[in-house]
N, C-alpha and C. Protein backbone atom coordinates (compact mmCIF):
# COMPACT_ATOMS: atom_id res chain seq x y z
N MET A 1 -35.47 15.45 -21.13
CA MET A 1 -35.01 15.18 -19.87
C MET A 1 -33.44 15.33 -20.11
N ALA A 2 -33.20 15.88 -19.34
CA ALA A 2 -31.75 16.05 -19.05
C ALA A 2 -30.62 14.55 -18.05
N ARG A 3 -29.72 14.29 -18.74
CA ARG A 3 -29.16 13.13 -18.27
C ARG A 3 -28.40 13.39 -17.37
N THR A 4 -28.80 12.74 -16.45
CA THR A 4 -27.04 12.92 -15.21
C THR A 4 -25.93 11.98 -15.28
N THR A 5 -25.17 12.15 -14.52
CA THR A 5 -24.06 11.45 -14.88
C THR A 5 -23.47 12.01 -13.14
N ARG A 6 -22.71 10.42 -12.57
CA ARG A 6 -22.21 10.54 -11.27
C ARG A 6 -20.29 10.86 -11.06
N PRO A 7 -20.37 11.71 -9.61
CA PRO A 7 -18.58 11.21 -10.27
C PRO A 7 -18.05 10.44 -10.25
N LEU A 8 -16.70 10.54 -10.67
CA LEU A 8 -15.71 8.85 -10.39
C LEU A 8 -15.52 9.31 -9.14
N THR A 9 -15.32 7.83 -8.67
CA THR A 9 -15.08 7.61 -7.02
C THR A 9 -13.50 7.18 -6.94
N ASN A 10 -13.05 7.18 -6.06
CA ASN A 10 -11.78 6.59 -5.11
C ASN A 10 -11.13 5.41 -5.75
N THR A 11 -12.19 4.61 -5.73
CA THR A 11 -12.29 3.01 -5.98
C THR A 11 -12.27 3.00 -7.61
N GLU A 12 -12.70 3.40 -8.43
CA GLU A 12 -12.61 3.63 -9.74
C GLU A 12 -11.79 4.23 -10.42
N VAL A 13 -10.83 5.29 -10.26
CA VAL A 13 -9.31 5.69 -10.45
C VAL A 13 -8.87 4.97 -9.85
N LEU A 14 -8.57 3.89 -8.98
CA LEU A 14 -7.70 2.86 -8.49
C LEU A 14 -7.44 2.03 -9.13
N ARG A 15 -8.70 1.35 -9.51
CA ARG A 15 -8.88 -0.19 -10.68
C ARG A 15 -9.10 0.12 -12.03
N ALA A 16 -8.75 1.85 -11.90
CA ALA A 16 -8.94 1.70 -14.23
C ALA A 16 -7.33 1.35 -14.22
N LYS A 17 -7.70 0.32 -15.01
CA LYS A 17 -6.94 0.21 -16.25
C LYS A 17 -6.71 -0.17 -17.79
N ALA A 18 -5.86 0.21 -18.60
CA ALA A 18 -5.89 0.37 -19.96
C ALA A 18 -4.92 -0.78 -20.10
N LEU A 19 -6.03 -1.54 -21.37
CA LEU A 19 -5.14 -2.56 -22.04
C LEU A 19 -4.22 -1.97 -23.00
N GLU A 20 -5.49 -2.34 -23.96
CA GLU A 20 -4.98 -2.24 -25.47
C GLU A 20 -4.44 -0.67 -25.81
N LYS A 21 -5.54 -0.06 -25.74
CA LYS A 21 -5.55 1.88 -25.81
C LYS A 21 -5.84 2.75 -24.47
N ASP A 22 -5.21 3.53 -25.02
CA ASP A 22 -5.46 4.70 -23.71
C ASP A 22 -7.01 4.94 -23.24
N LEU A 23 -7.62 4.60 -21.80
CA LEU A 23 -8.63 4.78 -21.40
C LEU A 23 -8.95 6.22 -20.96
N THR A 24 -10.30 6.63 -21.15
CA THR A 24 -10.09 8.04 -20.67
C THR A 24 -11.92 7.77 -20.32
N LEU A 25 -11.89 8.31 -18.46
CA LEU A 25 -12.86 8.64 -17.52
C LEU A 25 -13.53 9.71 -17.47
N HIS A 26 -14.85 10.13 -17.63
CA HIS A 26 -15.47 10.99 -17.16
C HIS A 26 -15.92 11.15 -16.04
N ASP A 27 -16.30 12.79 -15.42
CA ASP A 27 -16.89 12.66 -14.20
C ASP A 27 -18.03 13.69 -14.43
N GLY A 28 -18.26 13.89 -15.58
CA GLY A 28 -19.53 14.93 -15.97
C GLY A 28 -19.55 16.24 -15.85
N ASN A 29 -18.67 16.75 -14.69
CA ASN A 29 -18.61 18.04 -14.58
C ASN A 29 -17.07 18.72 -14.94
N GLY A 30 -16.95 17.98 -16.12
CA GLY A 30 -15.67 18.71 -17.28
C GLY A 30 -14.28 18.31 -16.86
N LEU A 31 -14.23 16.86 -15.53
CA LEU A 31 -13.39 16.49 -15.30
C LEU A 31 -12.83 15.18 -16.03
N PHE A 32 -11.39 14.72 -16.75
CA PHE A 32 -11.79 13.18 -17.09
C PHE A 32 -9.56 13.01 -16.51
N LEU A 33 -9.93 11.72 -16.50
CA LEU A 33 -9.02 11.09 -16.34
C LEU A 33 -8.74 10.56 -17.53
N ILE A 34 -7.19 10.45 -17.90
CA ILE A 34 -6.40 9.77 -18.99
C ILE A 34 -5.84 8.84 -18.10
N VAL A 35 -6.16 7.34 -18.54
CA VAL A 35 -4.92 6.33 -18.00
C VAL A 35 -4.11 5.50 -19.09
N LYS A 36 -3.20 5.30 -19.08
CA LYS A 36 -1.77 5.16 -20.18
C LYS A 36 -2.28 3.80 -20.28
N THR A 37 -1.73 2.80 -21.94
CA THR A 37 -1.28 1.79 -21.44
C THR A 37 -0.38 1.39 -20.21
N SER A 38 0.60 2.17 -20.20
CA SER A 38 2.16 1.99 -19.41
C SER A 38 1.66 2.22 -18.22
N GLY A 39 0.60 2.42 -17.43
CA GLY A 39 -0.65 2.46 -15.85
C GLY A 39 -0.28 3.79 -15.74
N LYS A 40 0.31 4.66 -16.22
CA LYS A 40 0.55 5.89 -15.70
C LYS A 40 -0.91 7.11 -15.51
N LYS A 41 -1.24 7.18 -14.28
CA LYS A 41 -2.75 7.96 -14.72
C LYS A 41 -2.82 9.64 -14.53
């Protein structure tokens, strides 16, 4: 059975914070967002 993923929401993107190292968020359709420790997205 294929695993389904949900797309990133606007709220998830706005609240994303990287603490000690860069954070990568995936939406499952090939889109990803990298949040740097400096706060840049």
